[in-house]
Amino acid sequence: MLQTGSPITASDRVTIQSLWVYPIKSCAGVRLDTAYLDQFGLAGDRRWMVVDCNGRMVTARTRPELLHVVPAIHDKTLELSAPGMGKLKLSPPSGKSRLTVRIWHDHVAGVPCHLEGSQWFSDYLKQQVQLVWMDVPRRHVEPNTTVRPTPVAFADGFPLLVINQASITEIEQRLGTTIDVRRFRPNLVVQGAKAWEEDHWHALTSDTMTLTNVKPCARCQVICTDPDSLSSEPELLKRLASYRKTELGIIVGFNAIHDGPGQLRQNQTLTICPATH
């Protein structure tokens, strides 16, 4: 049963509390003061992905230690660090070779990283893996959720994920403990609305852009993993299932698409456009 916020939104505006990108899928996020929207979503978000020897994605669902791979962004390069590993500098590969990789049900072409990068991850995970890069749009969001083809890189399904901080606070109150918002891997965390009011938002807008809510975000066991200790706390998902479960899954936050290039910044005000249904 879904317990939700009031369909009559009490607030007409929210502010951006924090902005996050995840340069490598399932690895640690980078908090930004300012983020730019490109054709994929937030610039630099999930353009890299680790795959196994069969080309299938390797994620924190099965390898939570990926959450301890910390990227630092330096212009067009990344510097990675992880426990027990030396630092690694990464630049987008320029080779013409392509590797077919699988992310959920999608098969897309990725550009293989240089051997040093793949070996670094293989040594860290103690598993033979390969690091790939998405150079140009080769994948689109679910066609039944948008009226136009919308590119997405190696995110699970959509270019943007929005979380309402008040909803995280409400979860904390129910559990009687602090919940790190990083568990939910948001791109935008907004504040200024009541808990779960985001269930009834059609879009968030500024003078120059629109972020359209296209699908609630169904959560998996990754939210049960503490991003620092890597300890698993399954009670979080169980408690959420008691009041946030729908036919789509256990819902926290929403997936969004953007209408073109633009810029977002921390503390920026966005206008709420309520859903009409």
Protein backbone atom coordinates (compact mmCIF):
# COMPACT_ATOMS: atom_id res chain seq x y z
CA MET A 1 0.00 0.00 0.00
CA LEU A 2 1.32 3.43 -0.94
CA GLN A 3 1.10 6.11 1.72
CA THR A 4 1.73 9.37 -0.06
CA GLY A 5 1.74 13.10 0.43
CA SER A 6 -1.20 15.38 -0.16
CA PRO A 7 -2.18 15.76 -3.84
CA ILE A 8 -2.66 19.43 -3.03
CA THR A 9 0.96 20.52 -2.85
CA ALA A 10 1.50 22.91 0.06
CA SER A 11 4.61 24.41 -1.52
CA ASP A 12 4.99 25.86 -4.99
CA ARG A 13 8.78 25.97 -4.93
CA VAL A 14 11.72 23.93 -3.75
CA THR A 15 15.43 24.62 -3.59
CA ILE A 16 18.25 22.33 -4.62
CA GLN A 17 19.93 21.13 -1.44
CA SER A 18 22.61 19.09 -3.21
CA LEU A 19 23.71 17.93 -6.66
CA TRP A 20 25.42 14.61 -7.36
CA VAL A 21 27.03 12.83 -10.26
CA TYR A 22 28.34 9.28 -10.35
CA PRO A 23 31.07 9.16 -12.99
CA ILE A 24 31.32 5.36 -12.78
CA LYS A 25 28.15 3.33 -12.34
CA SER A 26 27.81 2.00 -8.76
CA CYS A 27 30.93 3.81 -7.52
CA ALA A 28 30.91 6.72 -5.08
CA GLY A 29 29.24 9.96 -6.08
CA VAL A 30 30.73 13.41 -6.40
CA ARG A 31 28.87 16.33 -4.85
CA LEU A 32 28.88 19.48 -6.99
CA ASP A 33 28.06 23.13 -6.41
CA THR A 34 27.13 23.54 -10.07
CA ALA A 35 26.18 20.89 -12.62
CA TYR A 36 25.60 21.14 -16.34
CA LEU A 37 22.96 19.29 -18.31
CA ASP A 38 24.10 17.70 -21.55
CA GLN A 39 22.38 15.22 -23.85
CA PHE A 40 22.81 12.37 -21.32
CA GLY A 41 21.70 14.22 -18.16
CA LEU A 42 24.13 15.79 -15.69
CA ALA A 43 27.46 16.09 -17.47
CA GLY A 44 29.78 13.23 -16.60
CA ASP A 45 27.13 11.12 -14.90
CA ARG A 46 27.52 7.35 -15.35
CA ARG A 47 29.44 7.49 -18.60
CA TRP A 48 31.68 4.68 -17.27
CA MET A 49 30.65 1.16 -16.24
CA VAL A 50 32.36 -2.01 -15.04
CA VAL A 51 31.36 -5.22 -16.86
CA ASP A 52 32.24 -8.87 -16.36
CA CYS A 53 33.84 -11.20 -18.88
CA ASN A 54 30.44 -11.67 -20.55
CA GLY A 55 29.83 -7.94 -20.90
CA ARG A 56 27.21 -7.80 -18.14
CA MET A 57 27.18 -4.85 -15.76
CA VAL A 58 28.86 -5.28 -12.39
CA THR A 59 27.16 -3.16 -9.74
CA ALA A 60 26.94 -2.56 -6.01
CA ARG A 61 23.99 -4.95 -5.86
CA THR A 62 26.46 -7.83 -5.92
CA ARG A 63 29.76 -6.01 -5.31
CA PRO A 64 29.08 -3.36 -2.66
CA GLU A 65 32.80 -2.59 -2.39
CA LEU A 66 32.38 -0.57 -5.59
CA LEU A 67 30.86 2.10 -3.34
CA HIS A 68 34.34 2.65 -1.91
CA VAL A 69 35.81 3.55 -5.31
CA VAL A 70 36.02 7.33 -5.01
CA PRO A 71 36.37 9.44 -8.17
CA ALA A 72 37.76 12.96 -8.22
CA ILE A 73 36.92 15.05 -11.28
CA HIS A 74 39.74 17.03 -12.89
CA ASP A 75 38.45 18.71 -16.05
CA LYS A 76 38.02 15.80 -18.50
CA THR A 77 39.89 13.24 -16.42
CA LEU A 78 39.07 11.19 -13.34
CA GLU A 79 41.37 10.18 -10.52
CA LEU A 80 40.20 7.08 -8.70
CA SER A 81 41.10 5.87 -5.23
CA ALA A 82 39.98 2.80 -3.30
CA PRO A 83 41.09 0.94 -0.16
CA GLY A 84 44.31 -0.95 -0.75
CA MET A 85 44.77 0.46 -4.25
CA GLY A 86 47.06 3.04 -5.77
CA LYS A 87 45.47 6.02 -7.48
CA LEU A 88 44.38 5.66 -11.10
CA LYS A 89 43.95 8.45 -13.63
CA LEU A 90 41.34 7.91 -16.32
CA SER A 91 40.69 9.74 -19.57
CA PRO A 92 37.94 8.85 -22.04
CA PRO A 93 39.31 6.27 -24.49
CA SER A 94 39.68 7.39 -28.09
CA GLY A 95 39.98 4.00 -29.81
CA LYS A 96 37.57 2.82 -32.47
CA SER A 97 36.97 -0.64 -31.00
CA ARG A 98 33.58 -1.35 -29.43
CA LEU A 99 32.37 -3.93 -26.95
CA THR A 100 28.74 -4.97 -26.67
CA VAL A 101 27.72 -4.68 -23.03
CA ARG A 102 24.51 -5.46 -21.22
CA ILE A 103 22.73 -3.19 -18.77
CA TRP A 104 19.51 -4.83 -17.66
CA HIS A 105 17.74 -5.77 -20.90
CA ASP A 106 19.64 -3.31 -23.08
CA HIS A 107 22.59 -4.32 -25.23
CA VAL A 108 24.70 -1.30 -26.18
CA ALA A 109 28.16 -0.58 -27.54
CA GLY A 110 30.76 0.65 -25.08
CA VAL A 111 34.30 1.81 -25.73
CA PRO A 112 36.81 -0.38 -23.87
CA CYS A 113 39.06 1.46 -21.45
CA HIS A 114 42.82 1.10 -21.66
CA LEU A 115 44.16 -2.07 -20.05
CA GLU A 116 45.46 -0.26 -16.98
CA GLY A 117 41.97 0.86 -15.97
CA SER A 118 40.39 -2.56 -16.42
CA GLN A 119 43.24 -4.23 -14.56
CA TRP A 120 42.88 -1.77 -11.68
CA PHE A 121 39.24 -2.78 -11.21
CA SER A 122 40.06 -6.47 -11.69
CA ASP A 123 42.68 -6.27 -8.95
CA TYR A 124 40.34 -4.38 -6.63
CA LEU A 125 37.38 -6.72 -7.11
CA LYS A 126 39.54 -9.86 -7.44
CA GLN A 127 37.48 -10.69 -10.50
CA GLN A 128 38.28 -10.30 -14.18
CA VAL A 129 36.33 -7.25 -15.31
CA GLN A 130 36.53 -4.56 -17.93
CA LEU A 131 35.86 -0.83 -17.75
CA VAL A 132 33.89 0.72 -20.61
CA TRP A 133 32.92 4.24 -21.65
CA MET A 134 29.86 5.52 -23.50
CA ASP A 135 31.10 8.00 -26.07
CA VAL A 136 27.91 8.98 -27.92
CA PRO A 137 24.20 8.35 -27.26
CA ARG A 138 23.51 4.69 -27.98
CA ARG A 139 20.70 4.00 -25.51
CA HIS A 140 17.35 5.60 -24.73
CA VAL A 141 14.93 5.59 -21.82
CA GLU A 142 11.90 3.32 -21.80
CA PRO A 143 9.87 4.36 -24.88
CA ASN A 144 6.50 4.19 -23.08
CA THR A 145 7.57 6.83 -20.54
CA THR A 146 8.36 9.75 -22.86
CA VAL A 147 6.98 11.29 -26.03
CA ARG A 148 10.42 11.69 -27.60
CA PRO A 149 13.58 9.57 -27.67
CA THR A 150 15.67 10.58 -24.66
CA PRO A 151 19.30 9.43 -24.39
CA VAL A 152 20.63 7.87 -21.22
CA ALA A 153 24.14 6.65 -20.46
CA PHE A 154 24.76 3.79 -18.00
CA ALA A 155 22.19 4.86 -15.39
CA ASP A 156 19.65 2.12 -14.67
CA GLY A 157 16.99 3.66 -16.85
CA PHE A 158 16.73 7.44 -16.78
CA PRO A 159 19.08 10.43 -16.88
CA LEU A 160 18.02 12.10 -13.61
CA LEU A 161 16.88 10.97 -10.16
CA VAL A 162 15.22 13.46 -7.81
CA ILE A 163 14.86 12.96 -4.04
CA ASN A 164 12.80 15.07 -1.63
CA GLN A 165 14.79 15.57 1.58
CA ALA A 166 11.58 15.75 3.63
CA SER A 167 10.76 12.19 2.58
CA ILE A 168 14.16 10.98 3.77
CA THR A 169 13.55 12.77 7.08
CA GLU A 170 10.18 11.02 7.36
CA ILE A 171 11.88 7.65 6.85
CA GLU A 172 14.38 8.54 9.58
CA GLN A 173 11.56 9.38 11.98
CA ARG A 174 9.90 6.02 11.35
CA LEU A 175 13.12 4.09 11.82
CA GLY A 176 14.44 6.20 14.68
CA THR A 177 17.85 6.50 13.05
CA THR A 178 19.77 8.69 10.63
CA ILE A 179 19.65 7.69 6.95
CA ASP A 180 22.38 8.94 4.64
CA VAL A 181 20.78 10.25 1.44
CA ARG A 182 23.72 8.81 -0.50
CA ARG A 183 22.08 5.39 -0.11
CA PHE A 184 19.46 6.54 -2.64
CA ARG A 185 22.04 7.76 -5.21
CA PRO A 186 20.19 10.94 -6.19
CA ASN A 187 21.24 13.49 -8.78
CA LEU A 188 19.16 16.23 -7.15
CA VAL A 189 18.10 16.48 -3.53
CA VAL A 190 15.47 19.18 -3.06
CA GLN A 191 14.08 20.78 0.09
CA GLY A 192 11.13 22.99 0.94
CA ALA A 193 8.27 20.54 0.34
CA LYS A 194 6.50 18.15 2.69
CA ALA A 195 7.24 14.44 2.76
CA TRP A 196 6.06 12.48 -0.28
CA GLU A 197 4.53 15.48 -2.03
CA GLU A 198 6.83 14.61 -4.92
CA ASP A 199 4.46 11.76 -5.77
CA HIS A 200 2.16 14.42 -7.20
CA TRP A 201 4.65 16.56 -9.12
CA HIS A 202 4.57 16.68 -12.88
CA ALA A 203 7.77 18.71 -13.26
CA LEU A 204 10.27 21.08 -11.69
CA THR A 205 11.03 24.18 -13.73
CA SER A 206 13.32 27.18 -13.85
CA ASP A 207 13.33 30.09 -16.27
CA THR A 208 15.41 28.07 -18.73
CA MET A 209 14.64 24.38 -18.25
CA THR A 210 12.10 21.76 -17.27
CA LEU A 211 12.78 18.53 -15.40
CA THR A 212 9.81 16.26 -16.07
CA ASN A 213 8.79 13.47 -13.71
CA VAL A 214 8.40 10.42 -15.96
CA LYS A 215 8.37 7.49 -13.52
CA PRO A 216 8.57 6.82 -9.78
CA CYS A 217 11.87 5.26 -8.74
CA ALA A 218 11.55 1.67 -7.53
CA ARG A 219 14.25 0.86 -5.00
CA CYS A 220 16.40 -2.26 -4.61
CA GLN A 221 18.63 -3.66 -1.88
CA VAL A 222 21.39 -1.12 -2.59
CA ILE A 223 19.65 1.37 -0.29
CA CYS A 224 20.20 -1.09 2.56
CA THR A 225 23.99 -0.79 2.23
CA ASP A 226 25.72 1.83 4.34
CA PRO A 227 28.01 3.65 1.88
CA ASP A 228 30.76 4.03 4.48
CA SER A 229 30.78 0.77 6.44
CA LEU A 230 29.21 -1.34 3.65
CA SER A 231 27.13 -3.07 6.33
CA SER A 232 23.73 -4.31 5.16
CA GLU A 233 20.59 -3.17 6.95
CA PRO A 234 17.66 -4.97 5.27
CA GLU A 235 15.20 -3.52 7.77
CA LEU A 236 15.15 -0.28 5.74
CA LEU A 237 13.66 -1.92 2.66
CA LYS A 238 11.26 -4.00 4.76
CA ARG A 239 9.91 -0.94 6.55
CA LEU A 240 9.56 0.99 3.30
CA ALA A 241 7.67 -1.94 1.78
CA SER A 242 5.03 -1.59 4.50
CA TYR A 243 3.89 1.80 3.21
CA ARG A 244 5.64 2.68 -0.07
CA LYS A 245 5.02 -0.44 -2.16
CA THR A 246 3.23 -0.22 -5.52
CA GLU A 247 2.92 -2.43 -8.59
CA LEU A 248 6.19 -0.82 -9.74
CA GLY A 249 8.05 -1.69 -6.54
CA ILE A 250 9.05 0.17 -3.38
CA ILE A 251 9.01 3.84 -4.35
CA VAL A 252 11.32 6.61 -3.14
CA GLY A 253 11.99 9.58 -5.43
CA PHE A 254 11.30 9.93 -9.12
CA ASN A 255 13.07 9.57 -12.44
CA ALA A 256 13.16 12.66 -14.61
CA ILE A 257 14.17 13.83 -18.06
CA HIS A 258 15.30 17.30 -19.10
CA ASP A 259 14.30 19.34 -22.12
CA GLY A 260 17.75 20.48 -23.22
CA PRO A 261 21.12 21.80 -22.09
CA GLY A 262 21.28 23.98 -19.01
CA GLN A 263 22.84 24.56 -15.63
CA LEU A 264 21.78 23.66 -12.11
CA ARG A 265 23.33 24.97 -8.92
CA GLN A 266 23.07 24.33 -5.21
CA ASN A 267 20.43 26.54 -3.52
CA GLN A 268 18.75 27.24 -6.86
CA THR A 269 14.97 27.64 -6.66
CA LEU A 270 12.77 25.45 -8.84
CA THR A 271 9.03 25.84 -9.38
CA ILE A 272 6.77 22.84 -8.78
CA CYS A 273 4.30 21.99 -11.55
CA PRO A 274 1.72 19.68 -9.95
CA ALA A 275 0.33 16.70 -11.83
CA THR A 276 -3.14 17.26 -13.24
CA HIS A 277 -4.59 13.82 -12.47
